[in-house]
Amino acid sequence: MNRLKTAALACVGATVLTLPAQAADQVSLLLNWYVYGEHAPFYLGKEEGVFADEGIELEIQEGRGSALTVQAVAAGTVPFGYADVPTMIKAAAKGAPIVTIGVALQRNPMSVMGFTDKNIRTPEDIKGKTVAMTPGDSMSQIWPLFLQQTGLSESDFNVVSGDAQTKLNAVINGQADLLLGYAMDQSMKIKDATGKDVYPIMFADYGINMVSSGVLVNPDFLEENPDLAQRFMRAAARSVELAIADPKAAAAAVLKALPDAGKPETLQEGFERTIPLYHTEATEDRRPFDMTDEMMAETVRLLVDYGGVDSSANDDPAAFYRRDALPGGAAE
């Protein structure tokens, strides 16, 4: 009898040992644009198994602009997006079902930039210069506030207008001295094309406190998948921490996945320029993505004042974000 019992237990044990492991959740993340340095943490986290440790099989998709990423997430085409939070707020204020569950760039990367050797380092240096911009984009909408904050007027400089590539070409070819762009994005594109360093005059240095990129979801998806959202954000925060600790490895992870994404040195520099944008003084002791109510309210206010968002958005800034999925703990 004891032999039969032992044999039965052995069979049960063998059955348990051969059960398949629970399948990982297959998750897509749609970026805001073609891959550049800012996106490196997601690639590093995927390569290092950070997302796998959370039971997530991550697929990273390049985007074609924050507006399209916002549309895709709101429509439920993809579960997670990484895009410009102010662009999301504009859509949500018009009824799109979308919120941010974590703000990565809490210090805005908007800047006016030109070749370092032109020695344009302060707003006063912009006077008499030619600035390339894209009418109607997010930076051109905030540009009047930058002028107001720095005591400049539109008569102080000349303007060349065009799309995103036209702006780059204008500076590269010497038709413009400066362009409106992101400090860690357009500056690296110019450097890749010319080999020359670019100096950005940051809007944030002149009191323009608007958040930038973050993780976006449809609220219905969040309600139906709270555990998945929490696991995703834990992995995302850990990935940023790993990338900050080793920017070279972060850039290498991008190139391992996408060999044509850029040059190793400029991808790394682009990410290194991203690092100071992850925290403000109010969040420097928090883990990545943990935004404050105050910074979100200020972003909404600026969008109402300068971005064409209806003033009713000021009544409830918390409607545009959720804290449910944010990882706990202090910054590592």
Protein backbone atom coordinates (compact mmCIF):
# COMPACT_ATOMS: atom_id res chain seq x y z
CA MET A 1 0.00 0.00 0.00
CA ASN A 2 2.83 2.34 0.86
CA ARG A 3 4.49 1.52 -2.44
CA LEU A 4 1.28 2.39 -4.33
CA LYS A 5 0.94 5.66 -2.42
CA THR A 6 4.56 6.56 -3.13
CA ALA A 7 4.15 5.79 -6.82
CA ALA A 8 0.97 7.89 -6.98
CA LEU A 9 2.69 10.84 -5.34
CA ALA A 10 5.59 10.52 -7.73
CA CYS A 11 3.20 10.65 -10.68
CA VAL A 12 1.51 13.75 -9.27
CA GLY A 13 4.91 15.38 -8.77
CA ALA A 14 5.93 14.59 -12.32
CA THR A 15 2.68 16.05 -13.61
CA VAL A 16 3.21 19.29 -11.69
CA LEU A 17 6.79 19.61 -12.90
CA THR A 18 5.81 19.24 -16.54
CA LEU A 19 3.01 21.82 -16.50
CA PRO A 20 3.79 24.63 -18.99
CA ALA A 21 4.79 28.00 -17.57
CA GLN A 22 2.13 30.68 -17.73
CA ALA A 23 2.36 32.49 -21.05
CA ALA A 24 3.62 36.07 -20.95
CA ASP A 25 1.27 38.87 -21.91
CA GLN A 26 2.04 40.05 -25.42
CA VAL A 27 2.06 43.83 -25.23
CA SER A 28 2.60 46.47 -27.91
CA LEU A 29 4.01 49.92 -27.16
CA LEU A 30 3.58 52.53 -29.90
CA LEU A 31 6.18 55.30 -29.73
CA ASN A 32 5.67 58.92 -30.68
CA TRP A 33 8.16 58.91 -33.56
CA TYR A 34 10.97 57.08 -35.30
CA VAL A 35 13.42 55.83 -32.69
CA TYR A 36 15.91 58.28 -31.19
CA GLY A 37 17.81 58.54 -27.90
CA GLU A 38 14.78 59.24 -25.71
CA HIS A 39 13.38 55.79 -26.48
CA ALA A 40 16.50 53.87 -25.44
CA PRO A 41 15.25 52.74 -21.99
CA PHE A 42 12.47 50.64 -23.51
CA TYR A 43 14.97 48.79 -25.71
CA LEU A 44 17.37 48.29 -22.82
CA GLY A 45 14.59 47.02 -20.58
CA LYS A 46 13.46 44.58 -23.23
CA GLU A 47 17.00 43.31 -23.87
CA GLU A 48 17.80 42.96 -20.17
CA GLY A 49 14.62 40.99 -19.47
CA VAL A 50 13.03 43.65 -17.28
CA PHE A 51 9.68 43.39 -19.05
CA ALA A 52 9.97 39.60 -19.24
CA ASP A 53 10.46 39.53 -15.46
CA GLU A 54 7.06 41.19 -15.19
CA GLY A 55 5.46 38.59 -17.46
CA ILE A 56 5.41 40.88 -20.48
CA GLU A 57 6.56 40.08 -24.00
CA LEU A 58 7.10 43.60 -25.29
CA GLU A 59 6.81 44.69 -28.92
CA ILE A 60 8.03 48.24 -29.55
CA GLN A 61 6.57 49.97 -32.60
CA GLU A 62 7.93 53.17 -34.11
CA GLY A 63 5.42 56.00 -34.38
CA ARG A 64 4.64 58.72 -36.87
CA GLY A 65 3.85 61.59 -34.54
CA SER A 66 2.26 61.96 -31.12
CA ALA A 67 -1.16 62.82 -32.58
CA LEU A 68 -1.35 59.48 -34.41
CA THR A 69 -0.16 57.59 -31.33
CA VAL A 70 -2.86 59.30 -29.25
CA GLN A 71 -5.50 58.31 -31.82
CA ALA A 72 -4.34 54.69 -31.86
CA VAL A 73 -4.40 54.35 -28.06
CA ALA A 74 -7.78 56.08 -27.74
CA ALA A 75 -9.22 53.75 -30.39
CA GLY A 76 -7.83 50.67 -28.64
CA THR A 77 -5.61 49.74 -31.57
CA VAL A 78 -2.62 49.44 -29.22
CA PRO A 79 -2.74 49.04 -25.42
CA PHE A 80 0.12 51.41 -24.55
CA GLY A 81 1.46 54.54 -26.19
CA TYR A 82 4.48 56.69 -25.47
CA ALA A 83 3.81 60.20 -26.70
CA ASP A 84 3.53 63.89 -25.90
CA VAL A 85 1.22 64.35 -22.91
CA PRO A 86 0.09 67.90 -23.93
CA THR A 87 -1.00 66.48 -27.30
CA MET A 88 -2.95 63.83 -25.40
CA ILE A 89 -4.56 66.45 -23.16
CA LYS A 90 -5.75 68.38 -26.20
CA ALA A 91 -7.41 65.25 -27.56
CA ALA A 92 -8.87 64.21 -24.21
CA ALA A 93 -10.30 67.71 -23.68
CA LYS A 94 -12.29 67.13 -26.88
CA GLY A 95 -13.62 63.79 -25.65
CA ALA A 96 -10.99 61.23 -26.69
CA PRO A 97 -10.87 58.33 -24.18
CA ILE A 98 -7.23 58.52 -23.13
CA VAL A 99 -5.16 59.33 -20.03
CA THR A 100 -1.52 59.24 -19.00
CA ILE A 101 -0.50 56.75 -16.30
CA GLY A 102 3.05 58.07 -15.96
CA VAL A 103 4.99 61.11 -17.14
CA ALA A 104 8.54 60.34 -18.23
CA LEU A 105 9.75 63.81 -19.22
CA GLN A 106 8.73 66.12 -16.41
CA ARG A 107 10.94 68.95 -17.60
CA ASN A 108 10.04 70.07 -21.10
CA PRO A 109 12.58 69.49 -23.91
CA MET A 110 11.33 72.37 -26.08
CA SER A 111 14.13 74.68 -27.11
CA VAL A 112 15.42 77.05 -29.75
CA MET A 113 18.73 75.70 -31.00
CA GLY A 114 21.59 76.47 -33.35
CA PHE A 115 25.17 75.46 -34.01
CA THR A 116 27.32 75.89 -30.92
CA ASP A 117 29.95 77.77 -32.93
CA LYS A 118 27.43 80.54 -33.65
CA ASN A 119 27.59 81.35 -29.92
CA ILE A 120 23.84 81.83 -29.51
CA ARG A 121 23.46 81.02 -25.82
CA THR A 122 20.78 83.36 -24.43
CA PRO A 123 17.49 84.82 -25.65
CA GLU A 124 19.24 88.16 -26.19
CA ASP A 125 21.48 86.45 -28.76
CA ILE A 126 18.41 85.56 -30.88
CA LYS A 127 17.95 89.20 -31.87
CA GLY A 128 18.71 89.76 -35.54
CA LYS A 129 18.84 86.02 -36.27
CA THR A 130 16.61 83.82 -38.44
CA VAL A 131 14.50 81.15 -36.71
CA ALA A 132 12.99 78.15 -38.52
CA MET A 133 9.67 76.88 -37.20
CA THR A 134 6.62 74.83 -38.18
CA PRO A 135 3.40 76.86 -37.92
CA GLY A 136 0.78 75.19 -35.74
CA ASP A 137 2.97 72.59 -34.06
CA SER A 138 3.27 72.37 -30.27
CA MET A 139 6.50 74.38 -30.10
CA SER A 140 5.22 77.24 -32.24
CA GLN A 141 2.16 77.49 -29.99
CA ILE A 142 4.30 77.87 -26.87
CA TRP A 143 6.86 80.13 -28.61
CA PRO A 144 4.87 83.34 -27.83
CA LEU A 145 5.09 82.48 -24.14
CA PHE A 146 8.86 82.04 -24.45
CA LEU A 147 9.07 85.46 -26.09
CA GLN A 148 6.96 86.98 -23.32
CA GLN A 149 9.07 85.33 -20.60
CA THR A 150 12.34 86.53 -22.12
CA GLY A 151 11.33 90.03 -23.18
CA LEU A 152 11.61 89.35 -26.92
CA SER A 153 9.20 90.43 -29.62
CA GLU A 154 8.53 88.97 -33.06
CA SER A 155 10.20 91.99 -34.65
CA ASP A 156 13.51 91.02 -33.01
CA PHE A 157 14.19 88.16 -35.46
CA ASN A 158 13.30 86.74 -38.86
CA VAL A 159 11.26 83.59 -39.46
CA VAL A 160 11.51 80.75 -41.97
CA SER A 161 8.47 78.45 -41.99
CA GLY A 162 8.24 74.83 -43.08
CA ASP A 163 7.65 71.25 -41.98
CA ALA A 164 9.92 69.32 -39.62
CA GLN A 165 12.46 68.37 -42.28
CA THR A 166 12.47 71.87 -43.78
CA LYS A 167 13.42 73.28 -40.37
CA LEU A 168 16.35 70.91 -40.12
CA ASN A 169 17.51 71.63 -43.65
CA ALA A 170 17.28 75.38 -43.08
CA VAL A 171 19.77 75.22 -40.19
CA ILE A 172 21.98 72.59 -41.83
CA ASN A 173 22.22 74.62 -45.05
CA GLY A 174 22.67 77.98 -43.35
CA GLN A 175 19.29 79.44 -44.35
CA ALA A 176 18.41 79.82 -40.68
CA ASP A 177 20.48 80.35 -37.56
CA LEU A 178 18.11 78.51 -35.22
CA LEU A 179 15.11 76.20 -35.16
CA LEU A 180 12.46 75.27 -32.64
CA GLY A 181 13.04 71.66 -31.60
CA TYR A 182 13.54 69.16 -28.81
CA ALA A 183 16.93 69.38 -27.13
CA MET A 184 17.61 65.64 -27.38
CA ASP A 185 16.01 65.00 -30.78
CA GLN A 186 16.50 67.60 -33.53
CA SER A 187 19.89 68.55 -32.10
CA MET A 188 21.11 65.00 -32.65
CA LYS A 189 19.68 64.85 -36.17
CA ILE A 190 21.63 67.99 -37.04
CA LYS A 191 24.79 66.59 -35.46
CA ASP A 192 24.40 63.29 -37.34
CA ALA A 193 24.09 65.22 -40.62
CA THR A 194 26.89 67.72 -40.04
CA GLY A 195 29.14 66.42 -37.28
CA LYS A 196 28.75 69.77 -35.54
CA ASP A 197 27.56 70.37 -31.98
CA VAL A 198 24.25 72.13 -31.35
CA TYR A 199 23.38 74.34 -28.37
CA PRO A 200 19.74 74.42 -27.17
CA ILE A 201 18.24 77.37 -25.28
CA MET A 202 15.72 75.52 -23.12
CA PHE A 203 12.20 76.90 -22.70
CA ALA A 204 12.09 75.29 -19.24
CA ASP A 205 14.97 77.49 -18.10
CA TYR A 206 12.67 80.50 -18.55
CA GLY A 207 9.72 79.37 -16.44
CA ILE A 208 7.78 77.29 -18.97
CA ASN A 209 6.90 74.31 -16.79
CA MET A 210 5.02 71.92 -19.06
CA VAL A 211 5.43 68.15 -19.00
CA SER A 212 6.29 66.24 -22.16
CA SER A 213 6.37 62.51 -23.03
CA GLY A 214 4.51 59.89 -21.01
CA VAL A 215 2.80 56.51 -21.13
CA LEU A 216 -0.77 56.64 -22.41
CA VAL A 217 -3.69 54.21 -22.16
CA ASN A 218 -7.41 54.06 -22.82
CA PRO A 219 -9.22 54.30 -19.44
CA ASP A 220 -11.34 51.24 -20.29
CA PHE A 221 -8.16 49.22 -20.88
CA LEU A 222 -6.84 50.41 -17.51
CA GLU A 223 -10.03 49.37 -15.72
CA GLU A 224 -9.97 45.94 -17.36
CA ASN A 225 -6.21 45.32 -16.99
CA PRO A 226 -5.02 47.02 -13.78
CA ASP A 227 -2.43 44.33 -12.99
CA LEU A 228 -0.93 44.46 -16.49
CA ALA A 229 -0.71 48.25 -16.34
CA GLN A 230 1.07 48.07 -12.98
CA ARG A 231 3.53 45.47 -14.24
CA PHE A 232 4.20 47.53 -17.37
CA MET A 233 4.92 50.66 -15.36
CA ARG A 234 7.19 48.81 -12.92
CA ALA A 235 9.19 47.52 -15.87
CA ALA A 236 9.22 50.93 -17.55
CA ALA A 237 10.49 52.67 -14.41
CA ARG A 238 13.18 50.04 -13.86
CA SER A 239 14.23 50.34 -17.51
CA VAL A 240 14.72 54.09 -17.14
CA GLU A 241 16.78 53.55 -13.99
CA LEU A 242 19.00 51.02 -15.76
CA ALA A 243 19.46 53.33 -18.75
CA ILE A 244 20.41 56.29 -16.54
CA ALA A 245 23.03 54.08 -14.89
CA ASP A 246 24.48 52.97 -18.24
CA PRO A 247 23.66 55.25 -21.20
CA LYS A 248 26.14 53.45 -23.45
CA ALA A 249 24.34 50.15 -22.93
CA ALA A 250 21.00 51.87 -23.57
CA ALA A 251 22.20 53.20 -26.94
CA ALA A 252 23.68 49.81 -27.81
CA ALA A 253 20.34 48.13 -27.08
CA VAL A 254 18.64 50.40 -29.61
CA LEU A 255 21.19 49.58 -32.29
CA LYS A 256 21.00 45.87 -31.55
CA ALA A 257 17.26 45.98 -32.31
CA LEU A 258 17.44 48.62 -35.05
CA PRO A 259 20.93 48.84 -36.62
CA ASP A 260 19.93 51.81 -38.79
CA ALA A 261 18.53 53.90 -35.92
CA GLY A 262 21.55 56.21 -35.83
CA LYS A 263 25.15 56.52 -34.78
CA PRO A 264 26.15 55.05 -31.40
CA GLU A 265 27.67 58.28 -30.12
CA THR A 266 24.73 60.51 -31.03
CA LEU A 267 22.15 58.01 -29.77
CA GLN A 268 24.01 57.95 -26.48
CA GLU A 269 24.33 61.74 -26.36
CA GLY A 270 20.66 62.10 -27.21
CA PHE A 271 19.73 59.89 -24.28
CA GLU A 272 22.18 61.67 -21.98
CA ARG A 273 20.43 64.93 -22.88
CA THR A 274 17.16 63.23 -21.90
CA ILE A 275 18.29 62.28 -18.39
CA PRO A 276 17.93 65.79 -16.84
CA LEU A 277 14.33 65.89 -18.10
CA TYR A 278 13.11 62.93 -16.03
CA HIS A 279 12.70 64.83 -12.79
CA THR A 280 12.02 68.25 -11.39
CA GLU A 281 13.07 69.40 -7.93
CA ALA A 282 9.67 68.21 -6.71
CA THR A 283 10.17 64.65 -7.98
CA GLU A 284 13.92 64.08 -7.69
CA ASP A 285 13.38 61.59 -4.83
CA ARG A 286 10.66 59.67 -6.68
CA ARG A 287 10.97 56.86 -9.17
CA PRO A 288 10.62 57.68 -12.90
CA PHE A 289 7.13 58.52 -14.23
CA ASP A 290 5.78 59.72 -10.86
CA MET A 291 4.28 63.12 -11.67
CA THR A 292 2.86 65.67 -9.23
CA ASP A 293 -0.63 67.12 -9.27
CA GLU A 294 0.92 70.59 -9.46
CA MET A 295 2.92 69.93 -12.64
CA MET A 296 -0.12 68.44 -14.36
CA ALA A 297 -2.32 71.39 -13.37
CA GLU A 298 0.32 73.84 -14.65
CA THR A 299 0.52 71.96 -17.96
CA VAL A 300 -3.25 72.16 -18.38
CA ARG A 301 -3.22 75.87 -17.55
CA LEU A 302 -0.57 76.59 -20.17
CA LEU A 303 -2.51 74.61 -22.77
CA VAL A 304 -5.62 76.63 -21.99
CA ASP A 305 -3.71 79.90 -22.21
CA TYR A 306 -1.57 79.10 -25.25
CA GLY A 307 -2.57 75.76 -26.77
CA GLY A 308 -6.21 76.32 -27.67
CA VAL A 309 -7.64 73.99 -25.00
CA ASP A 310 -11.07 74.99 -23.66
CA SER A 311 -10.92 76.77 -20.30
CA SER A 312 -13.17 74.10 -18.74
CA ALA A 313 -10.10 71.82 -18.65
CA ASN A 314 -8.80 73.92 -15.75
CA ASP A 315 -11.76 72.77 -13.66
CA ASP A 316 -10.45 69.21 -13.35
CA PRO A 317 -6.81 68.69 -14.41
CA ALA A 318 -6.86 65.29 -12.68
CA ALA A 319 -9.20 64.00 -15.40
CA PHE A 320 -6.20 63.69 -17.72
CA TYR A 321 -4.09 61.33 -15.62
CA ARG A 322 -4.27 58.31 -13.33
CA ARG A 323 -1.87 57.22 -10.63
CA ASP A 324 -3.15 53.63 -10.25
CA ALA A 325 -0.26 51.97 -12.06
CA LEU A 326 2.69 54.02 -10.80
CA PRO A 327 5.41 51.96 -9.09
CA GLY A 328 6.03 52.69 -5.43
CA GLY A 329 9.29 53.29 -3.65
CA ALA A 330 11.92 55.98 -3.78
CA ALA A 331 14.18 56.66 -6.73
CA GLU A 332 17.04 54.20 -7.03
